Amino acid sequence: MLPRLITAAEDELDAAGRMLSAARDAAAGEEFTIDGQRYRRTGRGSSTWRPSALFVTPADQPGR
């Protein structure tokens, strides 16, 4: 079971890395696609409260 757990963890880490990279490249309000799923970077373009925070939601969900 351990090899399967390691593979699953590596897959999740890879997906999270691709999401973070795409979100960093997107401007606030811009949409991007990862693995066939559309996402929207939400929030402000810049913030003094949490300047390194990125907020991402699925693009097909209404609201913020």
PDB file of N, CA and C in Angstrom:
ATOM      1  N   MET A   1       0.809  -1.195   0.000  1.00  0.00           N
ATOM      2  CA  MET A   1       0.000   0.000   0.000  1.00  0.00           C
ATOM      3  C   MET A   1       0.859   1.269   0.000  1.00  0.00           C
ATOM      4  N   LEU A   2       2.020   1.214   0.586  1.00  0.00           N
ATOM      5  CA  LEU A   2       2.856   2.410   0.675  1.00  0.00           C
ATOM      6  C   LEU A   2       3.223   2.976  -0.697  1.00  0.00           C
ATOM      7  N   PRO A   3       3.603   2.156  -1.663  1.00  0.00           N
ATOM      8  CA  PRO A   3       3.895   2.728  -2.990  1.00  0.00           C
ATOM      9  C   PRO A   3       2.689   3.440  -3.609  1.00  0.00           C
ATOM     10  N   ARG A   4       1.494   2.908  -3.416  1.00  0.00           N
ATOM     11  CA  ARG A   4       0.297   3.565  -3.939  1.00  0.00           C
ATOM     12  C   ARG A   4       0.045   4.894  -3.234  1.00  0.00           C
ATOM     13  N   LEU A   5       0.273   4.934  -1.936  1.00  0.00           N
ATOM     14  CA  LEU A   5       0.115   6.171  -1.171  1.00  0.00           C
ATOM     15  C   LEU A   5       1.116   7.223  -1.642  1.00  0.00           C
ATOM     16  N   ILE A   6       2.343   6.804  -1.863  1.00  0.00           N
ATOM     17  CA  ILE A   6       3.375   7.731  -2.331  1.00  0.00           C
ATOM     18  C   ILE A   6       3.023   8.275  -3.713  1.00  0.00           C
ATOM     19  N   THR A   7       2.563   7.406  -4.604  1.00  0.00           N
ATOM     20  CA  THR A   7       2.169   7.840  -5.947  1.00  0.00           C
ATOM     21  C   THR A   7       1.017   8.840  -5.879  1.00  0.00           C
ATOM     22  N   ALA A   8       0.020   8.561  -5.047  1.00  0.00           N
ATOM     23  CA  ALA A   8      -1.122   9.477  -4.903  1.00  0.00           C
ATOM     24  C   ALA A   8      -0.670  10.830  -4.359  1.00  0.00           C
ATOM     25  N   ALA A   9       0.225  10.821  -3.377  1.00  0.00           N
ATOM     26  CA  ALA A   9       0.727  12.070  -2.799  1.00  0.00           C
ATOM     27  C   ALA A   9       1.527  12.864  -3.842  1.00  0.00           C
ATOM     28  N   GLU A  10       2.333  12.179  -4.630  1.00  0.00           N
ATOM     29  CA  GLU A  10       3.101  12.861  -5.677  1.00  0.00           C
ATOM     30  C   GLU A  10       2.178  13.452  -6.740  1.00  0.00           C
ATOM     31  N   ASP A  11       1.109  12.728  -7.090  1.00  0.00           N
ATOM     32  CA  ASP A  11       0.143  13.248  -8.063  1.00  0.00           C
ATOM     33  C   ASP A  11      -0.542  14.502  -7.538  1.00  0.00           C
ATOM     34  N   GLU A  12      -0.942  14.499  -6.270  1.00  0.00           N
ATOM     35  CA  GLU A  12      -1.584  15.665  -5.661  1.00  0.00           C
ATOM     36  C   GLU A  12      -0.628  16.848  -5.601  1.00  0.00           C
ATOM     37  N   LEU A  13       0.616  16.593  -5.262  1.00  0.00           N
ATOM     38  CA  LEU A  13       1.613  17.654  -5.213  1.00  0.00           C
ATOM     39  C   LEU A  13       1.840  18.253  -6.593  1.00  0.00           C
ATOM     40  N   ASP A  14       1.900  17.412  -7.618  1.00  0.00           N
ATOM     41  CA  ASP A  14       2.063  17.889  -8.985  1.00  0.00           C
ATOM     42  C   ASP A  14       0.880  18.764  -9.401  1.00  0.00           C
ATOM     43  N   ALA A  15      -0.341  18.318  -9.107  1.00  0.00           N
ATOM     44  CA  ALA A  15      -1.542  19.089  -9.453  1.00  0.00           C
ATOM     45  C   ALA A  15      -1.556  20.429  -8.720  1.00  0.00           C
ATOM     46  N   ALA A  16      -1.191  20.421  -7.447  1.00  0.00           N
ATOM     47  CA  ALA A  16      -1.159  21.664  -6.666  1.00  0.00           C
ATOM     48  C   ALA A  16      -0.101  22.625  -7.222  1.00  0.00           C
ATOM     49  N   GLY A  17       1.026  22.102  -7.639  1.00  0.00           N
ATOM     50  CA  GLY A  17       2.070  22.943  -8.227  1.00  0.00           C
ATOM     51  C   GLY A  17       1.637  23.585  -9.534  1.00  0.00           C
ATOM     52  N   ARG A  18       0.935  22.809 -10.385  1.00  0.00           N
ATOM     53  CA  ARG A  18       0.433  23.366 -11.638  1.00  0.00           C
ATOM     54  C   ARG A  18      -0.631  24.422 -11.374  1.00  0.00           C
ATOM     55  N   MET A  19      -1.490  24.190 -10.378  1.00  0.00           N
ATOM     56  CA  MET A  19      -2.531  25.155 -10.021  1.00  0.00           C
ATOM     57  C   MET A  19      -1.895  26.452  -9.525  1.00  0.00           C
ATOM     58  N   LEU A  20      -0.917  26.345  -8.654  1.00  0.00           N
ATOM     59  CA  LEU A  20      -0.253  27.523  -8.104  1.00  0.00           C
ATOM     60  C   LEU A  20       0.446  28.323  -9.197  1.00  0.00           C
ATOM     61  N   SER A  21       1.114  27.632 -10.094  1.00  0.00           N
ATOM     62  CA  SER A  21       1.817  28.313 -11.180  1.00  0.00           C
ATOM     63  C   SER A  21       0.845  29.060 -12.088  1.00  0.00           C
ATOM     64  N   ALA A  22      -0.254  28.401 -12.452  1.00  0.00           N
ATOM     65  CA  ALA A  22      -1.244  29.045 -13.320  1.00  0.00           C
ATOM     66  C   ALA A  22      -1.918  30.212 -12.611  1.00  0.00           C
ATOM     67  N   ALA A  23      -2.215  30.064 -11.330  1.00  0.00           N
ATOM     68  CA  ALA A  23      -2.861  31.139 -10.564  1.00  0.00           C
ATOM     69  C   ALA A  23      -1.937  32.338 -10.420  1.00  0.00           C
ATOM     70  N   ARG A  24      -0.662  32.097 -10.235  1.00  0.00           N
ATOM     71  CA  ARG A  24       0.299  33.211 -10.127  1.00  0.00           C
ATOM     72  C   ARG A  24       0.402  33.989 -11.437  1.00  0.00           C
ATOM     73  N   ASP A  25       0.278  33.277 -12.554  1.00  0.00           N
ATOM     74  CA  ASP A  25       0.382  33.924 -13.863  1.00  0.00           C
ATOM     75  C   ASP A  25      -0.890  34.676 -14.251  1.00  0.00           C
ATOM     76  N   ALA A  26      -2.017  34.347 -13.614  1.00  0.00           N
ATOM     77  CA  ALA A  26      -3.302  34.975 -13.946  1.00  0.00           C
ATOM     78  C   ALA A  26      -3.497  36.253 -13.137  1.00  0.00           C
ATOM     79  N   ALA A  27      -4.150  37.218 -13.756  1.00  0.00           N
ATOM     80  CA  ALA A  27      -4.516  38.446 -13.048  1.00  0.00           C
ATOM     81  C   ALA A  27      -5.826  38.208 -12.293  1.00  0.00           C
ATOM     82  N   ALA A  28      -6.115  39.044 -11.316  1.00  0.00           N
ATOM     83  CA  ALA A  28      -7.370  38.926 -10.573  1.00  0.00           C
ATOM     84  C   ALA A  28      -8.545  39.005 -11.539  1.00  0.00           C
ATOM     85  N   GLY A  29      -9.470  38.037 -11.457  1.00  0.00           N
ATOM     86  CA  GLY A  29     -10.628  37.987 -12.330  1.00  0.00           C
ATOM     87  C   GLY A  29     -10.404  37.181 -13.601  1.00  0.00           C
ATOM     88  N   GLU A  30      -9.180  36.819 -13.886  1.00  0.00           N
ATOM     89  CA  GLU A  30      -8.861  36.071 -15.105  1.00  0.00           C
ATOM     90  C   GLU A  30      -9.114  34.578 -14.903  1.00  0.00           C
ATOM     91  N   GLU A  31      -9.527  33.907 -15.975  1.00  0.00           N
ATOM     92  CA  GLU A  31      -9.770  32.471 -15.940  1.00  0.00           C
ATOM     93  C   GLU A  31      -8.593  31.725 -16.547  1.00  0.00           C
ATOM     94  N   PHE A  32      -8.393  30.491 -16.078  1.00  0.00           N
ATOM     95  CA  PHE A  32      -7.363  29.610 -16.618  1.00  0.00           C
ATOM     96  C   PHE A  32      -7.862  28.179 -16.502  1.00  0.00           C
ATOM     97  N   THR A  33      -7.242  27.275 -17.241  1.00  0.00           N
ATOM     98  CA  THR A  33      -7.675  25.878 -17.270  1.00  0.00           C
ATOM     99  C   THR A  33      -6.548  24.967 -16.820  1.00  0.00           C
ATOM    100  N   ILE A  34      -6.887  24.049 -15.930  1.00  0.00           N
ATOM    101  CA  ILE A  34      -5.957  23.020 -15.455  1.00  0.00           C
ATOM    102  C   ILE A  34      -6.674  21.681 -15.574  1.00  0.00           C
ATOM    103  N   ASP A  35      -6.077  20.735 -16.269  1.00  0.00           N
ATOM    104  CA  ASP A  35      -6.644  19.388 -16.423  1.00  0.00           C
ATOM    105  C   ASP A  35      -8.103  19.420 -16.889  1.00  0.00           C
ATOM    106  N   GLY A  36      -8.414  20.300 -17.812  1.00  0.00           N
ATOM    107  CA  GLY A  36      -9.751  20.378 -18.370  1.00  0.00           C
ATOM    108  C   GLY A  36     -10.767  21.108 -17.506  1.00  0.00           C
ATOM    109  N   GLN A  37     -10.381  21.573 -16.339  1.00  0.00           N
ATOM    110  CA  GLN A  37     -11.279  22.300 -15.429  1.00  0.00           C
ATOM    111  C   GLN A  37     -10.918  23.781 -15.472  1.00  0.00           C
ATOM    112  N   ARG A  38     -11.940  24.632 -15.650  1.00  0.00           N
ATOM    113  CA  ARG A  38     -11.702  26.073 -15.669  1.00  0.00           C
ATOM    114  C   ARG A  38     -11.773  26.631 -14.251  1.00  0.00           C
ATOM    115  N   TYR A  39     -10.848  27.535 -13.965  1.00  0.00           N
ATOM    116  CA  TYR A  39     -10.793  28.206 -12.670  1.00  0.00           C
ATOM    117  C   TYR A  39     -10.716  29.704 -12.903  1.00  0.00           C
ATOM    118  N   ARG A  40     -11.065  30.458 -11.883  1.00  0.00           N
ATOM    119  CA  ARG A  40     -10.957  31.919 -11.926  1.00  0.00           C
ATOM    120  C   ARG A  40     -10.159  32.354 -10.706  1.00  0.00           C
ATOM    121  N   ARG A  41      -9.179  33.212 -10.965  1.00  0.00           N
ATOM    122  CA  ARG A  41      -8.462  33.812  -9.840  1.00  0.00           C
ATOM    123  C   ARG A  41      -9.341  34.940  -9.313  1.00  0.00           C
ATOM    124  N   THR A  42      -9.676  34.880  -8.056  1.00  0.00           N
ATOM    125  CA  THR A  42     -10.542  35.877  -7.458  1.00  0.00           C
ATOM    126  C   THR A  42      -9.736  36.770  -6.530  1.00  0.00           C
ATOM    127  N   GLY A  43     -10.391  37.734  -5.945  1.00  0.00           N
ATOM    128  CA  GLY A  43      -9.711  38.634  -5.019  1.00  0.00           C
ATOM    129  C   GLY A  43      -9.172  39.855  -5.737  1.00  0.00           C
ATOM    130  N   ARG A  44      -8.351  40.561  -5.061  1.00  0.00           N
ATOM    131  CA  ARG A  44      -7.761  41.791  -5.597  1.00  0.00           C
ATOM    132  C   ARG A  44      -6.459  41.490  -6.315  1.00  0.00           C
ATOM    133  N   GLY A  45      -6.075  42.413  -7.160  1.00  0.00           N
ATOM    134  CA  GLY A  45      -4.810  42.270  -7.860  1.00  0.00           C
ATOM    135  C   GLY A  45      -3.620  42.393  -6.926  1.00  0.00           C
ATOM    136  N   SER A  46      -3.794  43.176  -5.873  1.00  0.00           N
ATOM    137  CA  SER A  46      -2.736  43.315  -4.868  1.00  0.00           C
ATOM    138  C   SER A  46      -3.395  43.547  -3.516  1.00  0.00           C
ATOM    139  N   SER A  47      -2.673  43.229  -2.486  1.00  0.00           N
ATOM    140  CA  SER A  47      -3.226  43.371  -1.146  1.00  0.00           C
ATOM    141  C   SER A  47      -2.109  43.671  -0.158  1.00  0.00           C
ATOM    142  N   THR A  48      -2.377  44.552   0.762  1.00  0.00           N
ATOM    143  CA  THR A  48      -1.395  44.799   1.818  1.00  0.00           C
ATOM    144  C   THR A  48      -1.660  43.887   3.006  1.00  0.00           C
ATOM    145  N   TRP A  49      -2.879  43.307   3.039  1.00  0.00           N
ATOM    146  CA  TRP A  49      -3.234  42.416   4.146  1.00  0.00           C
ATOM    147  C   TRP A  49      -2.520  41.075   4.026  1.00  0.00           C
ATOM    148  N   ARG A  50      -2.625  40.435   2.866  1.00  0.00           N
ATOM    149  CA  ARG A  50      -1.951  39.168   2.607  1.00  0.00           C
ATOM    150  C   ARG A  50      -1.418  39.201   1.174  1.00  0.00           C
ATOM    151  N   PRO A  51      -0.304  39.856   0.963  1.00  0.00           N
ATOM    152  CA  PRO A  51       0.180  40.049  -0.409  1.00  0.00           C
ATOM    153  C   PRO A  51       0.516  38.752  -1.145  1.00  0.00           C
ATOM    154  N   SER A  52       0.791  37.661  -0.437  1.00  0.00           N
ATOM    155  CA  SER A  52       1.148  36.415  -1.116  1.00  0.00           C
ATOM    156  C   SER A  52      -0.045  35.470  -1.272  1.00  0.00           C
ATOM    157  N   ALA A  53      -1.229  35.854  -0.792  1.00  0.00           N
ATOM    158  CA  ALA A  53      -2.400  34.984  -0.864  1.00  0.00           C
ATOM    159  C   ALA A  53      -2.981  34.959  -2.275  1.00  0.00           C
ATOM    160  N   LEU A  54      -3.348  33.769  -2.729  1.00  0.00           N
ATOM    161  CA  LEU A  54      -4.023  33.585  -4.009  1.00  0.00           C
ATOM    162  C   LEU A  54      -5.365  32.917  -3.728  1.00  0.00           C
ATOM    163  N   PHE A  55      -6.428  33.441  -4.314  1.00  0.00           N
ATOM    164  CA  PHE A  55      -7.752  32.868  -4.145  1.00  0.00           C
ATOM    165  C   PHE A  55      -8.235  32.386  -5.497  1.00  0.00           C
ATOM    166  N   VAL A  56      -8.622  31.120  -5.575  1.00  0.00           N
ATOM    167  CA  VAL A  56      -9.025  30.489  -6.830  1.00  0.00           C
ATOM    168  C   VAL A  56     -10.341  29.764  -6.595  1.00  0.00           C
ATOM    169  N   THR A  57     -11.281  29.912  -7.541  1.00  0.00           N
ATOM    170  CA  THR A  57     -12.556  29.199  -7.482  1.00  0.00           C
ATOM    171  C   THR A  57     -12.837  28.567  -8.839  1.00  0.00           C
ATOM    172  N   PRO A  58     -13.615  27.487  -8.863  1.00  0.00           N
ATOM    173  CA  PRO A  58     -14.024  26.948 -10.163  1.00  0.00           C
ATOM    174  C   PRO A  58     -14.806  28.015 -10.923  1.00  0.00           C
ATOM    175  N   ALA A  59     -14.546  28.176 -12.204  1.00  0.00           N
ATOM    176  CA  ALA A  59     -15.137  29.248 -13.001  1.00  0.00           C
ATOM    177  C   ALA A  59     -16.634  29.072 -13.208  1.00  0.00           C
ATOM    178  N   ASP A  60     -17.150  27.852 -13.070  1.00  0.00           N
ATOM    179  CA  ASP A  60     -18.565  27.628 -13.305  1.00  0.00           C
ATOM    180  C   ASP A  60     -19.426  27.876 -12.057  1.00  0.00           C
ATOM    181  N   GLN A  61     -18.800  28.236 -10.941  1.00  0.00           N
ATOM    182  CA  GLN A  61     -19.558  28.544  -9.738  1.00  0.00           C
ATOM    183  C   GLN A  61     -19.858  30.036  -9.693  1.00  0.00           C
ATOM    184  N   PRO A  62     -21.093  30.406  -9.408  1.00  0.00           N
ATOM    185  CA  PRO A  62     -21.422  31.823  -9.337  1.00  0.00           C
ATOM    186  C   PRO A  62     -20.859  32.473  -8.068  1.00  0.00           C
ATOM    187  N   GLY A  63     -20.749  33.762  -8.108  1.00  0.00           N
ATOM    188  CA  GLY A  63     -20.319  34.516  -6.931  1.00  0.00           C
ATOM    189  C   GLY A  63     -18.822  34.630  -6.826  1.00  0.00           C
ATOM    190  N   ARG A  64     -18.391  35.106  -5.687  1.00  0.00           N
ATOM    191  CA  ARG A  64     -16.979  35.327  -5.446  1.00  0.00           C
ATOM    192  C   ARG A  64     -16.285  34.043  -5.085  1.00  0.00           C
TER     193      ARG A  64
END
